[in-house]
Amino acid sequence: VVLLGMLSLPVMMENKYDKGFAVGTACATGTLGILIPPSIMLVLMADRLAVPEASVGDLFMGAFFPGLMLGAMYVTYAMVRPLLQPHMAPVPEGTEKVTWSIVWEVAKAVVPTAALILGVLGSIFAGIATPTEASGVGALGALILALMAGRLNMKVLNSSMQQTTRTAAFIFAIFLGATAFSVVLRGLGGDQVIEDALLGLPFGPYGIVLSILLGVFLLGFFLDWVEITLIILPLVAPVVQQLGFDLVWFTILFAMCLQTSFLTPPVGFALFYIKGVAPPEINVTDIYRGVIPFIIIQLVGLAIVFVVPEIATWLPSVAYD
């Protein structure tokens, strides 16, 4: 989100794009990284579920098509709305026509990153490496790419190691707190209370799943995805599994629902990130106005996967058949 905001917003403002449309596009597309593999959110979810039916590899494959679908929906919106309302994204004066040479240059620039992603995901999907081993593949690939680009030096290594250590420390600190909370809750019988309350809802199995997703969506207004994943997911997943639903399908729905938490005020973290790097003429109202269409798109995508579970379950089923 920060990177897209720094790179794209000044250019879009210079070309007189609508402020809400510009900042909403940069903000929302940055959040796709939390869902599209390799996703740290799916790794944490697999760890908390701790069942073979929803391994990291299964969740990565399950999120592949929903992530692509959301990306396609974003692109469609970003193309169709300016066609209907040209003032939202006016064509800059003197713009060159897109030629095959330009497309080729862009494709060449994407190849190194695509190769790195393929190395990480491909090693997991092919069963060559575990997720932990695949992270080593990714780290090695990143080092090689930095070396090939002539940017590998002690300053970069030092910064990378510091950020990695800090991120790992933050996550494990939250893990410790969430684990302590879960142990106390289970010791007092809280998990059984939650299970009985959910199973006692008069909505039927699908209604119970919708109730859980609605609760997660509302919690996303005030809590970060990490806390919801570590505390709520282990409590509701056994109920969903007891109802006979595919755990990969439910977890992907849970993840897509949590993706909206980055954009929903007042505690949408992506909103804070984009405000920190946005040009001064963009205010908080512009940001809120700009992300609303993308929140609606995410909810539509969530509904599609809910109605058509095969979007999330087909790839894992054929990969390990």
Protein backbone atom coordinates (compact mmCIF):
# COMPACT_ATOMS: atom_id res chain seq x y z
CA VAL A 1 0.00 0.00 0.00
CA VAL A 2 2.79 2.40 0.90
CA LEU A 3 4.75 1.55 -2.23
CA LEU A 4 1.75 1.93 -4.54
CA GLY A 5 0.77 5.17 -2.84
CA MET A 6 4.24 6.68 -3.22
CA LEU A 7 4.63 5.60 -6.85
CA SER A 8 1.16 6.15 -8.29
CA LEU A 9 -0.65 8.93 -6.40
CA PRO A 10 1.62 11.85 -7.43
CA VAL A 11 1.35 10.83 -11.09
CA MET A 12 -2.44 10.44 -10.92
CA MET A 13 -2.84 13.79 -9.14
CA GLU A 14 -0.63 15.45 -11.77
CA ASN A 15 -2.94 14.06 -14.48
CA LYS A 16 -6.06 15.34 -12.67
CA TYR A 17 -7.51 11.98 -11.63
CA ASP A 18 -10.40 12.06 -9.18
CA LYS A 19 -8.82 12.01 -5.72
CA GLY A 20 -11.14 9.34 -4.30
CA PHE A 21 -10.76 7.08 -7.34
CA ALA A 22 -6.97 7.42 -7.33
CA VAL A 23 -6.39 6.82 -3.63
CA GLY A 24 -9.03 4.05 -3.46
CA THR A 25 -7.37 2.15 -6.31
CA ALA A 26 -3.88 2.40 -4.79
CA CYS A 27 -5.13 1.52 -1.32
CA ALA A 28 -7.35 -1.44 -2.25
CA THR A 29 -5.01 -3.14 -4.71
CA GLY A 30 -2.25 -3.09 -2.12
CA THR A 31 -4.37 -5.25 0.18
CA LEU A 32 -4.57 -8.08 -2.38
CA GLY A 33 -1.15 -9.20 -1.19
CA ILE A 34 -2.62 -10.41 2.09
CA LEU A 35 -4.78 -12.94 0.24
CA ILE A 36 -2.93 -13.92 -2.94
CA PRO A 37 -0.25 -16.55 -2.15
CA PRO A 38 2.35 -16.50 -0.74
CA SER A 39 0.31 -14.94 2.07
CA ILE A 40 1.46 -14.61 5.67
CA MET A 41 -2.21 -14.55 6.72
CA LEU A 42 -2.84 -18.01 5.26
CA VAL A 43 0.32 -19.34 6.93
CA LEU A 44 -0.91 -18.15 10.33
CA MET A 45 -4.37 -19.56 9.67
CA ALA A 46 -2.98 -22.97 8.77
CA ASP A 47 -0.88 -22.91 11.94
CA ARG A 48 -3.86 -22.06 14.16
CA LEU A 49 -6.10 -24.67 12.53
CA ALA A 50 -3.39 -27.34 12.82
CA VAL A 51 -5.32 -29.94 10.82
CA PRO A 52 -4.19 -31.81 7.68
CA GLU A 53 -7.41 -30.83 5.87
CA ALA A 54 -6.26 -27.19 5.82
CA SER A 55 -2.50 -27.22 5.39
CA VAL A 56 -0.58 -24.20 4.12
CA GLY A 57 -0.34 -25.77 0.66
CA ASP A 58 -4.10 -26.39 0.59
CA LEU A 59 -4.88 -22.83 1.65
CA PHE A 60 -2.42 -21.37 -0.87
CA MET A 61 -4.05 -23.32 -3.68
CA GLY A 62 -7.52 -22.54 -2.35
CA ALA A 63 -6.82 -18.80 -2.36
CA PHE A 64 -5.29 -18.81 -5.85
CA PHE A 65 -8.48 -18.48 -7.92
CA PRO A 66 -10.39 -16.25 -5.43
CA GLY A 67 -7.38 -13.91 -5.36
CA LEU A 68 -7.21 -13.80 -9.15
CA MET A 69 -10.96 -13.25 -9.30
CA LEU A 70 -10.75 -10.28 -6.93
CA GLY A 71 -7.86 -8.85 -8.93
CA ALA A 72 -9.87 -9.19 -12.15
CA MET A 73 -12.85 -7.49 -10.50
CA TYR A 74 -10.62 -4.60 -9.39
CA VAL A 75 -9.21 -4.21 -12.90
CA THR A 76 -12.70 -4.33 -14.43
CA TYR A 77 -13.92 -1.60 -12.08
CA ALA A 78 -10.84 0.55 -12.73
CA MET A 79 -11.44 0.28 -16.50
CA VAL A 80 -15.24 0.51 -16.66
CA ARG A 81 -15.82 3.45 -14.32
CA PRO A 82 -13.58 5.89 -16.28
CA LEU A 83 -15.35 4.78 -19.46
CA LEU A 84 -18.67 5.76 -17.91
CA GLN A 85 -17.28 8.84 -16.13
CA PRO A 86 -14.26 10.11 -18.10
CA HIS A 87 -13.54 12.85 -15.56
CA MET A 88 -12.58 10.17 -13.00
CA ALA A 89 -9.40 9.28 -14.93
CA PRO A 90 -8.82 11.60 -17.91
CA VAL A 91 -6.37 10.48 -20.58
CA PRO A 92 -3.14 12.53 -20.16
CA GLU A 93 -2.23 14.80 -23.04
CA GLY A 94 0.44 13.44 -25.36
CA THR A 95 0.04 9.88 -24.13
CA GLU A 96 1.71 7.31 -26.36
CA LYS A 97 -0.38 4.47 -27.71
CA VAL A 98 0.29 1.09 -26.17
CA THR A 99 2.48 -0.92 -28.53
CA TRP A 100 3.85 -4.46 -28.38
CA SER A 101 7.29 -3.09 -27.58
CA ILE A 102 5.94 -1.38 -24.47
CA VAL A 103 4.12 -4.58 -23.47
CA TRP A 104 7.34 -6.54 -23.97
CA GLU A 105 9.32 -4.15 -21.75
CA VAL A 106 6.71 -4.47 -19.00
CA ALA A 107 6.72 -8.27 -19.35
CA LYS A 108 10.52 -8.38 -19.00
CA ALA A 109 10.32 -6.27 -15.85
CA VAL A 110 7.78 -8.67 -14.32
CA VAL A 111 9.76 -11.86 -15.05
CA PRO A 112 12.16 -11.74 -12.03
CA THR A 113 9.36 -11.20 -9.51
CA ALA A 114 7.18 -13.84 -11.19
CA ALA A 115 10.08 -16.31 -11.09
CA LEU A 116 10.53 -15.67 -7.36
CA ILE A 117 6.82 -16.26 -6.66
CA LEU A 118 6.86 -19.38 -8.84
CA GLY A 119 9.88 -20.70 -6.95
CA VAL A 120 8.15 -20.28 -3.57
CA LEU A 121 4.68 -21.49 -4.56
CA GLY A 122 5.87 -24.07 -7.08
CA SER A 123 8.10 -25.77 -4.52
CA ILE A 124 5.14 -26.06 -2.12
CA PHE A 125 2.57 -27.13 -4.72
CA ALA A 126 4.92 -29.74 -6.19
CA GLY A 127 5.59 -31.19 -2.76
CA ILE A 128 9.32 -30.47 -3.06
CA ALA A 129 9.47 -28.19 -0.03
CA THR A 130 7.47 -27.53 3.12
CA PRO A 131 6.29 -23.93 3.66
CA THR A 132 9.21 -23.35 6.03
CA GLU A 133 11.69 -24.67 3.46
CA ALA A 134 9.95 -22.65 0.73
CA SER A 135 10.56 -19.49 2.72
CA GLY A 136 14.27 -20.32 2.48
CA VAL A 137 13.85 -20.71 -1.28
CA GLY A 138 12.23 -17.27 -1.37
CA ALA A 139 14.99 -15.68 0.72
CA LEU A 140 17.69 -17.20 -1.50
CA GLY A 141 15.84 -16.07 -4.64
CA ALA A 142 15.53 -12.54 -3.30
CA LEU A 143 19.26 -12.46 -2.54
CA ILE A 144 20.07 -13.65 -6.07
CA LEU A 145 17.77 -11.03 -7.63
CA ALA A 146 19.31 -8.27 -5.50
CA LEU A 147 22.80 -9.47 -6.51
CA MET A 148 21.83 -9.52 -10.21
CA ALA A 149 20.42 -6.00 -9.90
CA GLY A 150 23.63 -4.79 -8.26
CA ARG A 151 21.82 -3.75 -5.09
CA LEU A 152 23.13 -6.35 -2.66
CA ASN A 153 25.28 -4.70 -0.01
CA MET A 154 25.73 -4.69 3.75
CA LYS A 155 23.24 -1.85 4.21
CA VAL A 156 20.48 -3.82 2.42
CA LEU A 157 21.33 -7.03 4.30
CA ASN A 158 21.35 -5.24 7.65
CA SER A 159 18.01 -3.54 6.95
CA SER A 160 16.43 -6.81 5.76
CA MET A 161 17.57 -8.75 8.82
CA GLN A 162 16.38 -6.03 11.19
CA GLN A 163 12.92 -5.83 9.59
CA THR A 164 12.61 -9.63 9.48
CA THR A 165 13.57 -9.96 13.15
CA ARG A 166 11.17 -7.18 14.15
CA THR A 167 8.27 -8.71 12.20
CA ALA A 168 8.91 -12.18 13.62
CA ALA A 169 9.13 -10.75 17.15
CA PHE A 170 5.82 -8.89 16.74
CA ILE A 171 4.05 -11.98 15.44
CA PHE A 172 5.40 -14.28 18.15
CA ALA A 173 4.50 -11.75 20.87
CA ILE A 174 0.92 -11.79 19.58
CA PHE A 175 1.10 -15.60 19.37
CA LEU A 176 2.06 -15.78 23.06
CA GLY A 177 -0.79 -13.49 24.08
CA ALA A 178 -3.35 -15.28 21.90
CA THR A 179 -2.22 -18.69 23.16
CA ALA A 180 -2.51 -17.57 26.78
CA PHE A 181 -5.97 -16.19 26.07
CA SER A 182 -7.05 -19.43 24.37
CA VAL A 183 -5.77 -21.61 27.21
CA VAL A 184 -7.67 -19.58 29.82
CA LEU A 185 -10.82 -19.48 27.66
CA ARG A 186 -10.77 -23.25 27.12
CA GLY A 187 -9.94 -23.89 30.75
CA LEU A 188 -13.06 -21.97 31.77
CA GLY A 189 -15.20 -23.74 29.16
CA GLY A 190 -15.57 -20.68 26.95
CA ASP A 191 -14.99 -22.60 23.72
CA GLN A 192 -17.89 -24.93 24.56
CA VAL A 193 -20.13 -21.94 25.29
CA ILE A 194 -19.27 -20.42 21.89
CA GLU A 195 -19.83 -23.75 20.12
CA ASP A 196 -23.21 -24.28 21.79
CA ALA A 197 -24.24 -20.70 21.00
CA LEU A 198 -23.37 -21.05 17.31
CA LEU A 199 -24.97 -24.48 16.92
CA GLY A 200 -28.07 -23.18 18.67
CA LEU A 201 -28.67 -20.43 16.11
CA PRO A 202 -31.97 -21.04 14.26
CA PHE A 203 -30.51 -20.33 10.82
CA GLY A 204 -29.37 -23.73 9.59
CA PRO A 205 -25.75 -24.65 8.69
CA TYR A 206 -25.28 -22.00 6.00
CA GLY A 207 -26.90 -19.38 8.21
CA ILE A 208 -24.40 -20.19 10.97
CA VAL A 209 -21.48 -19.71 8.55
CA LEU A 210 -22.96 -16.39 7.39
CA SER A 211 -23.37 -15.32 11.03
CA ILE A 212 -19.69 -16.08 11.69
CA LEU A 213 -18.59 -14.15 8.60
CA LEU A 214 -20.79 -11.19 9.57
CA GLY A 215 -19.24 -11.18 13.04
CA VAL A 216 -15.74 -11.30 11.55
CA PHE A 217 -16.61 -8.45 9.16
CA LEU A 218 -17.84 -6.28 12.04
CA LEU A 219 -14.81 -7.13 14.20
CA GLY A 220 -12.64 -6.01 11.28
CA PHE A 221 -13.81 -2.45 11.82
CA PHE A 222 -11.96 -2.36 15.15
CA LEU A 223 -9.38 -5.19 15.24
CA ASP A 224 -6.43 -6.17 13.08
CA TRP A 225 -6.56 -9.45 11.11
CA VAL A 226 -3.83 -11.00 13.27
CA GLU A 227 -5.85 -10.83 16.48
CA ILE A 228 -9.00 -12.12 14.77
CA THR A 229 -7.08 -14.99 13.17
CA LEU A 230 -5.32 -16.08 16.33
CA ILE A 231 -8.32 -15.82 18.67
CA ILE A 232 -11.56 -16.20 16.68
CA LEU A 233 -10.61 -18.69 13.94
CA PRO A 234 -9.62 -21.59 16.29
CA LEU A 235 -12.92 -21.13 18.15
CA VAL A 236 -15.26 -21.20 15.14
CA ALA A 237 -13.43 -23.64 12.82
CA PRO A 238 -14.38 -26.77 14.82
CA VAL A 239 -18.03 -25.71 14.65
CA VAL A 240 -17.87 -25.29 10.88
CA GLN A 241 -16.11 -28.64 10.50
CA GLN A 242 -18.75 -30.28 12.72
CA LEU A 243 -21.42 -28.90 10.38
CA GLY A 244 -19.77 -30.82 7.52
CA PHE A 245 -18.32 -27.92 5.52
CA ASP A 246 -14.98 -27.99 3.71
CA LEU A 247 -12.44 -26.32 5.99
CA VAL A 248 -10.42 -24.89 3.08
CA TRP A 249 -13.57 -23.24 1.69
CA PHE A 250 -14.47 -21.73 5.05
CA THR A 251 -10.92 -20.53 5.74
CA ILE A 252 -10.72 -18.77 2.36
CA LEU A 253 -14.06 -17.09 3.10
CA PHE A 254 -12.68 -16.09 6.50
CA ALA A 255 -9.54 -14.68 4.84
CA MET A 256 -11.51 -12.73 2.21
CA CYS A 257 -13.70 -11.32 4.95
CA LEU A 258 -10.61 -10.26 6.91
CA GLN A 259 -9.17 -8.59 3.82
CA THR A 260 -11.91 -5.98 4.14
CA SER A 261 -10.59 -5.11 7.62
CA PHE A 262 -7.71 -3.26 5.97
CA LEU A 263 -10.15 -0.85 4.31
CA THR A 264 -12.98 -0.46 6.81
CA PRO A 265 -12.79 2.63 9.06
CA PRO A 266 -12.07 3.59 11.76
CA VAL A 267 -9.17 1.12 12.20
CA GLY A 268 -8.43 0.14 8.61
CA PHE A 269 -4.66 -0.08 8.61
CA ALA A 270 -4.34 0.47 4.86
CA LEU A 271 -6.15 3.80 5.31
CA PHE A 272 -3.51 4.96 7.77
CA TYR A 273 -0.68 3.74 5.54
CA ILE A 274 -2.01 5.50 2.44
CA LYS A 275 -2.68 8.73 4.36
CA GLY A 276 0.95 8.77 5.51
CA VAL A 277 2.29 8.85 1.94
CA ALA A 278 -0.56 10.59 0.09
CA PRO A 279 -0.06 14.11 -1.35
CA PRO A 280 -1.31 16.87 1.00
CA GLU A 281 -4.35 17.67 -1.15
CA ILE A 282 -5.82 14.20 -0.40
CA ASN A 283 -7.73 14.19 2.90
CA VAL A 284 -9.30 11.44 4.99
CA THR A 285 -12.72 11.99 3.40
CA ASP A 286 -11.26 11.31 -0.06
CA ILE A 287 -9.73 8.07 1.24
CA TYR A 288 -12.97 6.84 2.82
CA ARG A 289 -14.94 7.75 -0.31
CA GLY A 290 -12.42 6.03 -2.55
CA VAL A 291 -12.31 2.67 -0.76
CA ILE A 292 -16.09 2.14 -0.47
CA PRO A 293 -16.48 0.72 -4.02
CA PHE A 294 -13.62 -1.71 -3.39
CA ILE A 295 -15.16 -2.87 -0.11
CA ILE A 296 -18.36 -3.58 -2.04
CA ILE A 297 -16.34 -5.48 -4.69
CA GLN A 298 -14.70 -7.58 -1.97
CA LEU A 299 -18.09 -8.43 -0.45
CA VAL A 300 -19.40 -9.39 -3.91
CA GLY A 301 -16.35 -11.63 -4.39
CA LEU A 302 -16.97 -13.14 -0.96
CA ALA A 303 -20.58 -13.88 -1.93
CA ILE A 304 -19.47 -15.53 -5.18
CA VAL A 305 -17.08 -17.89 -3.39
CA PHE A 306 -19.77 -18.60 -0.79
CA VAL A 307 -22.27 -19.59 -3.50
CA VAL A 308 -19.69 -21.39 -5.69
CA PRO A 309 -17.33 -23.22 -3.26
CA GLU A 310 -15.51 -24.93 -6.14
CA ILE A 311 -13.65 -21.67 -6.81
CA ALA A 312 -11.71 -22.34 -3.60
CA THR A 313 -11.87 -26.12 -3.36
CA TRP A 314 -11.25 -27.33 -6.92
CA LEU A 315 -7.50 -26.70 -7.16
CA PRO A 316 -6.59 -28.32 -3.79
CA SER A 317 -8.78 -31.33 -4.64
CA VAL A 318 -7.14 -32.04 -7.99
CA ALA A 319 -3.61 -31.24 -6.81
CA TYR A 320 -3.63 -33.95 -4.16
CA ASP A 321 -6.08 -36.35 -5.79
